[in-house]
Amino acid sequence: MTSLATRNSFLNDFFRDTAPSFFIKPLHGDQLPDPDQIKINVSEGASNYTVTAEIPGVKKEDIHVLVEDDVVTLRADIKQEDQSASTEKVLRSERYFGTVSRSFRMAENIDESQSKAKYENGVLTLTLPKKAAVDTSKRLTIE
């Protein structure tokens, strides 16, 4: 269902299995999810698709959904910052910024103007109406 090609190599598997704490995790904060770690569920109704995606810990202002014809792209900007009280002197501050995205193709074109998105408790729910089929064929007159 996904149109993204994933590349796995022997070295990626080796470093993930043997030394994940040093090579894989960032220096600060939680690890950014891989595109295939944004878990989605897609269901199809008679006139629309419903997509649910798990994107926990992200503000809804930092989530971007792009719909072009039959391709849906989800992107989330992840920001992690340490907060300190205003009375404290900051000696070191660590921040972690990153972006994760995932694209997938639907079976039919989507009506972008009628599409809706809702984000609640870390779950993004998209309602994507199918675009009405337009008959663009033209009968030719034979001369």
N, C-alpha and C. Protein backbone atom coordinates (compact mmCIF):
# COMPACT_ATOMS: atom_id res chain seq x y z
N MET A 1 0.81 -1.19 0.00
CA MET A 1 0.00 0.00 0.00
C MET A 1 0.86 1.25 0.00
N THR A 2 2.05 1.17 0.54
CA THR A 2 2.90 2.35 0.57
C THR A 2 3.68 2.46 -0.73
N SER A 3 3.88 3.68 -1.19
CA SER A 3 4.62 3.88 -2.42
C SER A 3 6.07 4.22 -2.15
N LEU A 4 6.47 4.22 -0.88
CA LEU A 4 7.85 4.52 -0.53
C LEU A 4 8.68 3.24 -0.53
N ALA A 5 9.85 3.33 -1.10
CA ALA A 5 10.76 2.20 -1.06
C ALA A 5 11.61 2.33 0.19
N THR A 6 11.75 1.25 0.92
CA THR A 6 12.60 1.28 2.10
C THR A 6 13.89 0.54 1.78
N ARG A 7 14.98 1.08 2.29
CA ARG A 7 16.27 0.45 2.06
C ARG A 7 16.78 -0.11 3.37
N ASN A 8 17.05 -1.38 3.37
CA ASN A 8 17.65 -2.02 4.53
C ASN A 8 19.00 -2.54 4.12
N SER A 9 19.95 -2.39 4.97
CA SER A 9 21.26 -2.93 4.66
C SER A 9 21.75 -3.75 5.84
N PHE A 10 22.75 -4.55 5.57
CA PHE A 10 23.34 -5.39 6.59
C PHE A 10 23.89 -4.54 7.74
N LEU A 11 24.53 -3.42 7.41
CA LEU A 11 25.12 -2.57 8.46
C LEU A 11 24.06 -1.92 9.33
N ASN A 12 22.94 -1.50 8.73
CA ASN A 12 21.85 -0.94 9.54
C ASN A 12 21.36 -1.96 10.56
N ASP A 13 21.16 -3.18 10.10
CA ASP A 13 20.70 -4.24 11.02
C ASP A 13 21.76 -4.53 12.08
N PHE A 14 23.02 -4.55 11.68
CA PHE A 14 24.09 -4.84 12.62
C PHE A 14 24.15 -3.80 13.73
N PHE A 15 24.15 -2.51 13.37
CA PHE A 15 24.27 -1.46 14.37
C PHE A 15 23.01 -1.37 15.24
N ARG A 16 21.85 -1.62 14.66
CA ARG A 16 20.61 -1.58 15.44
C ARG A 16 20.59 -2.71 16.47
N ASP A 17 21.11 -3.90 16.10
CA ASP A 17 21.06 -5.05 16.99
C ASP A 17 22.20 -5.06 18.01
N THR A 18 23.39 -4.62 17.61
CA THR A 18 24.54 -4.75 18.50
C THR A 18 24.76 -3.58 19.42
N ALA A 19 24.54 -2.38 18.95
CA ALA A 19 24.85 -1.21 19.78
C ALA A 19 23.79 -0.13 19.60
N PRO A 20 22.53 -0.42 19.88
CA PRO A 20 21.50 0.58 19.62
C PRO A 20 21.62 1.82 20.49
N SER A 21 22.15 1.70 21.69
CA SER A 21 22.19 2.86 22.58
C SER A 21 23.20 3.90 22.13
N PHE A 22 24.24 3.50 21.40
CA PHE A 22 25.25 4.46 20.99
C PHE A 22 25.01 4.97 19.57
N PHE A 23 24.69 4.09 18.65
CA PHE A 23 24.63 4.48 17.25
C PHE A 23 23.27 4.99 16.80
N ILE A 24 22.20 4.58 17.40
CA ILE A 24 20.89 4.88 16.88
C ILE A 24 20.20 6.03 17.61
N LYS A 25 20.25 6.05 18.91
CA LYS A 25 19.50 7.04 19.67
C LYS A 25 20.15 8.41 19.57
N PRO A 26 19.34 9.48 19.53
CA PRO A 26 19.92 10.81 19.54
C PRO A 26 20.54 11.11 20.90
N LEU A 27 21.31 12.18 20.96
CA LEU A 27 21.96 12.53 22.21
C LEU A 27 20.98 13.00 23.26
N HIS A 28 19.85 13.53 22.83
CA HIS A 28 18.88 14.07 23.78
C HIS A 28 17.48 13.79 23.26
N GLY A 29 16.58 13.51 24.17
CA GLY A 29 15.18 13.34 23.79
C GLY A 29 14.90 11.97 23.24
N ASP A 30 13.68 11.80 22.81
CA ASP A 30 13.27 10.52 22.25
C ASP A 30 13.68 10.45 20.79
N GLN A 31 13.84 9.26 20.33
CA GLN A 31 14.21 9.02 18.95
C GLN A 31 13.07 9.39 18.03
N LEU A 32 13.40 10.01 16.89
CA LEU A 32 12.37 10.29 15.89
C LEU A 32 11.89 8.97 15.29
N PRO A 33 10.59 8.86 15.07
CA PRO A 33 10.11 7.61 14.47
C PRO A 33 10.51 7.52 13.00
N ASP A 34 10.75 6.31 12.55
CA ASP A 34 10.98 6.08 11.13
C ASP A 34 9.64 6.28 10.41
N PRO A 35 9.67 6.56 9.08
CA PRO A 35 8.41 6.73 8.37
C PRO A 35 7.47 5.53 8.51
N ASP A 36 8.04 4.31 8.58
CA ASP A 36 7.17 3.16 8.73
C ASP A 36 6.72 2.96 10.17
N GLN A 37 7.20 3.79 11.11
CA GLN A 37 6.74 3.71 12.49
C GLN A 37 5.53 4.60 12.74
N ILE A 38 5.17 5.46 11.79
CA ILE A 38 3.91 6.19 11.91
C ILE A 38 2.85 5.18 11.49
N LYS A 39 2.25 4.56 12.46
CA LYS A 39 1.30 3.49 12.17
C LYS A 39 -0.01 4.08 11.68
N ILE A 40 -0.49 3.55 10.57
CA ILE A 40 -1.75 4.04 10.00
C ILE A 40 -2.71 2.88 9.80
N ASN A 41 -3.98 3.22 9.85
CA ASN A 41 -5.06 2.31 9.49
C ASN A 41 -5.87 3.02 8.42
N VAL A 42 -6.21 2.31 7.36
CA VAL A 42 -7.00 2.88 6.28
C VAL A 42 -8.22 2.00 6.09
N SER A 43 -9.39 2.63 6.11
CA SER A 43 -10.62 1.90 5.82
C SER A 43 -11.36 2.62 4.70
N GLU A 44 -12.10 1.85 3.93
CA GLU A 44 -12.80 2.39 2.78
C GLU A 44 -14.30 2.22 2.94
N GLY A 45 -15.01 3.31 2.75
CA GLY A 45 -16.46 3.28 2.72
C GLY A 45 -16.93 3.44 1.28
N ALA A 46 -18.24 3.57 1.11
CA ALA A 46 -18.78 3.71 -0.24
C ALA A 46 -18.32 5.01 -0.90
N SER A 47 -18.22 6.10 -0.12
CA SER A 47 -17.90 7.39 -0.72
C SER A 47 -16.63 8.04 -0.17
N ASN A 48 -15.97 7.40 0.80
CA ASN A 48 -14.78 8.03 1.35
C ASN A 48 -13.82 7.00 1.95
N TYR A 49 -12.61 7.48 2.25
CA TYR A 49 -11.61 6.73 2.99
C TYR A 49 -11.48 7.36 4.36
N THR A 50 -11.18 6.54 5.36
CA THR A 50 -10.88 7.05 6.69
C THR A 50 -9.48 6.55 7.05
N VAL A 51 -8.60 7.49 7.39
CA VAL A 51 -7.23 7.17 7.74
C VAL A 51 -7.00 7.61 9.18
N THR A 52 -6.46 6.72 10.00
CA THR A 52 -6.04 7.10 11.35
C THR A 52 -4.53 6.86 11.44
N ALA A 53 -3.84 7.85 11.98
CA ALA A 53 -2.38 7.76 12.11
C ALA A 53 -1.98 8.13 13.52
N GLU A 54 -1.08 7.35 14.10
CA GLU A 54 -0.59 7.62 15.44
C GLU A 54 0.62 8.55 15.36
N ILE A 55 0.45 9.77 15.89
CA ILE A 55 1.54 10.75 15.93
C ILE A 55 1.55 11.37 17.32
N PRO A 56 1.98 10.62 18.34
CA PRO A 56 1.91 11.12 19.71
C PRO A 56 2.98 12.17 20.01
N GLY A 57 2.66 13.06 20.94
CA GLY A 57 3.63 14.03 21.43
C GLY A 57 3.90 15.19 20.51
N VAL A 58 3.06 15.40 19.50
CA VAL A 58 3.25 16.49 18.55
C VAL A 58 2.06 17.42 18.63
N LYS A 59 2.31 18.73 18.60
CA LYS A 59 1.22 19.70 18.59
C LYS A 59 0.53 19.66 17.24
N LYS A 60 -0.77 19.94 17.24
CA LYS A 60 -1.51 19.86 15.97
C LYS A 60 -1.04 20.91 14.98
N GLU A 61 -0.45 22.02 15.47
CA GLU A 61 0.07 23.05 14.58
C GLU A 61 1.31 22.56 13.83
N ASP A 62 1.95 21.52 14.34
CA ASP A 62 3.17 21.00 13.73
C ASP A 62 2.92 19.80 12.82
N ILE A 63 1.65 19.49 12.57
CA ILE A 63 1.30 18.38 11.68
C ILE A 63 0.78 18.97 10.38
N HIS A 64 1.30 18.45 9.26
CA HIS A 64 0.90 18.95 7.95
C HIS A 64 0.41 17.77 7.11
N VAL A 65 -0.75 17.94 6.49
CA VAL A 65 -1.33 16.91 5.64
C VAL A 65 -1.48 17.49 4.24
N LEU A 66 -0.95 16.81 3.26
CA LEU A 66 -1.04 17.24 1.87
C LEU A 66 -1.73 16.14 1.07
N VAL A 67 -2.76 16.53 0.32
CA VAL A 67 -3.49 15.58 -0.52
C VAL A 67 -3.39 16.07 -1.96
N GLU A 68 -2.81 15.24 -2.82
CA GLU A 68 -2.70 15.54 -4.24
C GLU A 68 -3.19 14.34 -5.03
N ASP A 69 -4.32 14.50 -5.69
CA ASP A 69 -4.95 13.43 -6.46
C ASP A 69 -5.16 12.20 -5.58
N ASP A 70 -4.34 11.17 -5.74
CA ASP A 70 -4.51 9.94 -4.95
C ASP A 70 -3.39 9.72 -3.95
N VAL A 71 -2.52 10.72 -3.74
CA VAL A 71 -1.38 10.59 -2.82
C VAL A 71 -1.62 11.45 -1.58
N VAL A 72 -1.46 10.82 -0.41
CA VAL A 72 -1.61 11.50 0.87
C VAL A 72 -0.24 11.53 1.54
N THR A 73 0.18 12.72 1.98
CA THR A 73 1.46 12.87 2.67
C THR A 73 1.21 13.44 4.06
N LEU A 74 1.74 12.75 5.07
CA LEU A 74 1.66 13.21 6.45
C LEU A 74 3.07 13.64 6.86
N ARG A 75 3.18 14.83 7.46
CA ARG A 75 4.48 15.32 7.94
C ARG A 75 4.30 15.93 9.32
N ALA A 76 5.22 15.62 10.21
CA ALA A 76 5.17 16.17 11.57
C ALA A 76 6.53 16.76 11.92
N ASP A 77 6.52 18.00 12.42
CA ASP A 77 7.73 18.65 12.91
C ASP A 77 7.81 18.38 14.40
N ILE A 78 8.89 17.74 14.82
CA ILE A 78 9.05 17.34 16.22
C ILE A 78 10.05 18.26 16.88
N LYS A 79 9.63 18.85 18.00
CA LYS A 79 10.49 19.77 18.74
C LYS A 79 10.53 19.33 20.19
N GLN A 80 11.71 19.13 20.71
CA GLN A 80 11.87 18.77 22.12
C GLN A 80 12.84 19.75 22.74
N GLU A 81 12.40 20.42 23.78
CA GLU A 81 13.25 21.40 24.45
C GLU A 81 13.19 21.18 25.95
N ASP A 82 14.30 21.42 26.61
CA ASP A 82 14.32 21.39 28.07
C ASP A 82 13.86 22.75 28.59
N GLN A 83 12.99 22.74 29.56
CA GLN A 83 12.50 23.97 30.16
C GLN A 83 13.13 24.13 31.53
N SER A 84 13.46 25.35 31.88
CA SER A 84 13.99 25.61 33.21
C SER A 84 13.23 26.80 33.79
N ALA A 85 13.21 26.87 35.10
CA ALA A 85 12.52 27.97 35.77
C ALA A 85 13.24 29.28 35.46
N SER A 86 12.50 30.37 35.44
CA SER A 86 13.08 31.66 35.08
C SER A 86 14.09 32.15 36.13
N THR A 87 14.04 31.62 37.34
CA THR A 87 14.97 32.05 38.38
C THR A 87 16.30 31.32 38.29
N GLU A 88 16.38 30.27 37.46
CA GLU A 88 17.61 29.50 37.35
C GLU A 88 18.53 30.08 36.28
N LYS A 89 19.80 29.93 36.50
CA LYS A 89 20.79 30.31 35.51
C LYS A 89 21.02 29.10 34.60
N VAL A 90 20.83 29.29 33.31
CA VAL A 90 20.96 28.18 32.36
C VAL A 90 22.44 27.99 32.04
N LEU A 91 22.96 26.82 32.35
CA LEU A 91 24.35 26.50 32.04
C LEU A 91 24.47 25.73 30.73
N ARG A 92 23.46 24.92 30.45
CA ARG A 92 23.44 24.15 29.21
C ARG A 92 22.00 23.88 28.84
N SER A 93 21.68 24.06 27.58
CA SER A 93 20.33 23.80 27.11
C SER A 93 20.42 22.91 25.87
N GLU A 94 19.68 21.82 25.87
CA GLU A 94 19.70 20.90 24.74
C GLU A 94 18.35 20.92 24.07
N ARG A 95 18.40 20.98 22.77
CA ARG A 95 17.16 20.97 21.97
C ARG A 95 17.30 19.91 20.90
N TYR A 96 16.16 19.40 20.47
CA TYR A 96 16.17 18.38 19.44
C TYR A 96 15.03 18.69 18.48
N PHE A 97 15.36 18.91 17.22
CA PHE A 97 14.37 19.22 16.21
C PHE A 97 14.48 18.22 15.08
N GLY A 98 13.38 17.88 14.49
CA GLY A 98 13.40 16.96 13.37
C GLY A 98 12.04 16.89 12.70
N THR A 99 12.00 16.24 11.57
CA THR A 99 10.77 16.07 10.80
C THR A 99 10.65 14.61 10.39
N VAL A 100 9.45 14.11 10.48
CA VAL A 100 9.16 12.76 10.02
C VAL A 100 7.97 12.85 9.07
N SER A 101 8.01 12.07 8.00
CA SER A 101 6.89 12.12 7.05
C SER A 101 6.64 10.73 6.48
N ARG A 102 5.44 10.59 5.95
CA ARG A 102 5.05 9.33 5.32
C ARG A 102 4.06 9.64 4.21
N SER A 103 4.23 9.02 3.07
CA SER A 103 3.32 9.19 1.93
C SER A 103 2.77 7.82 1.53
N PHE A 104 1.55 7.83 1.07
CA PHE A 104 0.94 6.59 0.57
C PHE A 104 -0.09 6.95 -0.48
N ARG A 105 -0.37 5.97 -1.34
CA ARG A 105 -1.27 6.17 -2.47
C ARG A 105 -2.59 5.46 -2.22
N MET A 106 -3.69 6.15 -2.51
CA MET A 106 -5.02 5.56 -2.38
C MET A 106 -5.43 4.96 -3.74
N ALA A 107 -6.47 4.15 -3.74
CA ALA A 107 -6.90 3.48 -4.96
C ALA A 107 -7.60 4.44 -5.92
N GLU A 108 -8.19 5.51 -5.38
CA GLU A 108 -8.90 6.48 -6.22
C GLU A 108 -8.47 7.89 -5.84
N ASN A 109 -8.74 8.84 -6.74
CA ASN A 109 -8.44 10.24 -6.44
C ASN A 109 -9.29 10.74 -5.29
N ILE A 110 -8.77 11.72 -4.56
CA ILE A 110 -9.44 12.26 -3.38
C ILE A 110 -9.93 13.67 -3.68
N ASP A 111 -11.09 14.00 -3.18
CA ASP A 111 -11.63 15.35 -3.30
C ASP A 111 -11.02 16.20 -2.19
N GLU A 112 -9.97 16.96 -2.54
CA GLU A 112 -9.23 17.74 -1.55
C GLU A 112 -10.11 18.79 -0.87
N SER A 113 -11.05 19.36 -1.60
CA SER A 113 -11.87 20.45 -1.05
C SER A 113 -12.82 19.97 0.04
N GLN A 114 -13.18 18.69 0.06
CA GLN A 114 -14.11 18.16 1.06
C GLN A 114 -13.40 17.35 2.16
N SER A 115 -12.08 17.22 2.06
CA SER A 115 -11.32 16.43 3.03
C SER A 115 -11.27 17.12 4.39
N LYS A 116 -11.24 16.31 5.46
CA LYS A 116 -11.21 16.85 6.82
C LYS A 116 -10.16 16.11 7.63
N ALA A 117 -9.57 16.84 8.60
CA ALA A 117 -8.57 16.25 9.48
C ALA A 117 -8.88 16.65 10.92
N LYS A 118 -8.69 15.69 11.85
CA LYS A 118 -8.92 15.94 13.27
C LYS A 118 -7.79 15.28 14.05
N TYR A 119 -7.25 16.00 15.03
CA TYR A 119 -6.14 15.47 15.84
C TYR A 119 -6.54 15.52 17.30
N GLU A 120 -6.55 14.34 17.94
CA GLU A 120 -6.96 14.26 19.33
C GLU A 120 -6.22 13.12 20.01
N ASN A 121 -5.62 13.39 21.17
CA ASN A 121 -4.92 12.38 21.98
C ASN A 121 -3.86 11.61 21.20
N GLY A 122 -3.11 12.32 20.34
CA GLY A 122 -2.03 11.69 19.61
C GLY A 122 -2.44 10.92 18.38
N VAL A 123 -3.72 10.97 18.03
CA VAL A 123 -4.21 10.24 16.86
C VAL A 123 -4.80 11.23 15.86
N LEU A 124 -4.26 11.19 14.64
CA LEU A 124 -4.76 12.01 13.54
C LEU A 124 -5.77 11.20 12.75
N THR A 125 -6.97 11.75 12.56
CA THR A 125 -8.03 11.08 11.80
C THR A 125 -8.34 11.91 10.57
N LEU A 126 -8.22 11.30 9.41
CA LEU A 126 -8.51 11.97 8.14
C LEU A 126 -9.76 11.35 7.54
N THR A 127 -10.66 12.20 7.07
CA THR A 127 -11.81 11.76 6.29
C THR A 127 -11.59 12.27 4.88
N LEU A 128 -11.39 11.35 3.95
CA LEU A 128 -11.01 11.70 2.58
C LEU A 128 -12.07 11.22 1.60
N PRO A 129 -12.97 12.11 1.17
CA PRO A 129 -14.01 11.71 0.22
C PRO A 129 -13.41 11.37 -1.15
N LYS A 130 -13.96 10.36 -1.77
CA LYS A 130 -13.52 9.98 -3.11
C LYS A 130 -14.03 11.02 -4.10
N LYS A 131 -13.22 11.32 -5.09
CA LYS A 131 -13.61 12.27 -6.12
C LYS A 131 -14.60 11.58 -7.05
N ALA A 132 -15.67 12.28 -7.35
CA ALA A 132 -16.68 11.70 -8.24
C ALA A 132 -16.07 11.46 -9.61
N ALA A 133 -16.35 10.30 -10.15
CA ALA A 133 -15.82 9.95 -11.46
C ALA A 133 -16.48 10.81 -12.52
N VAL A 134 -15.66 11.45 -13.31
CA VAL A 134 -16.16 12.30 -14.38
C VAL A 134 -15.88 11.59 -15.69
N ASP A 135 -16.92 11.45 -16.49
CA ASP A 135 -16.76 10.80 -17.78
C ASP A 135 -16.18 11.82 -18.76
N THR A 136 -14.92 11.65 -19.09
CA THR A 136 -14.26 12.59 -19.99
C THR A 136 -14.16 12.03 -21.40
N SER A 137 -14.79 10.90 -21.62
CA SER A 137 -14.74 10.33 -22.96
C SER A 137 -15.67 11.11 -23.88
N LYS A 138 -15.31 11.12 -25.14
CA LYS A 138 -16.09 11.86 -26.13
C LYS A 138 -16.30 10.93 -27.31
N ARG A 139 -17.53 10.85 -27.73
CA ARG A 139 -17.84 10.00 -28.90
C ARG A 139 -17.51 10.79 -30.15
N LEU A 140 -16.75 10.15 -31.01
CA LEU A 140 -16.35 10.81 -32.25
C LEU A 140 -17.31 10.44 -33.36
N THR A 141 -17.60 11.40 -34.20
CA THR A 141 -18.43 11.17 -35.37
C THR A 141 -17.53 10.73 -36.51
N ILE A 142 -17.92 9.66 -37.13
CA ILE A 142 -17.12 9.13 -38.23
C ILE A 142 -17.57 9.80 -39.49
N GLU A 143 -16.61 10.36 -40.22
CA GLU A 143 -16.93 11.08 -41.47
C GLU A 143 -16.79 10.18 -42.66
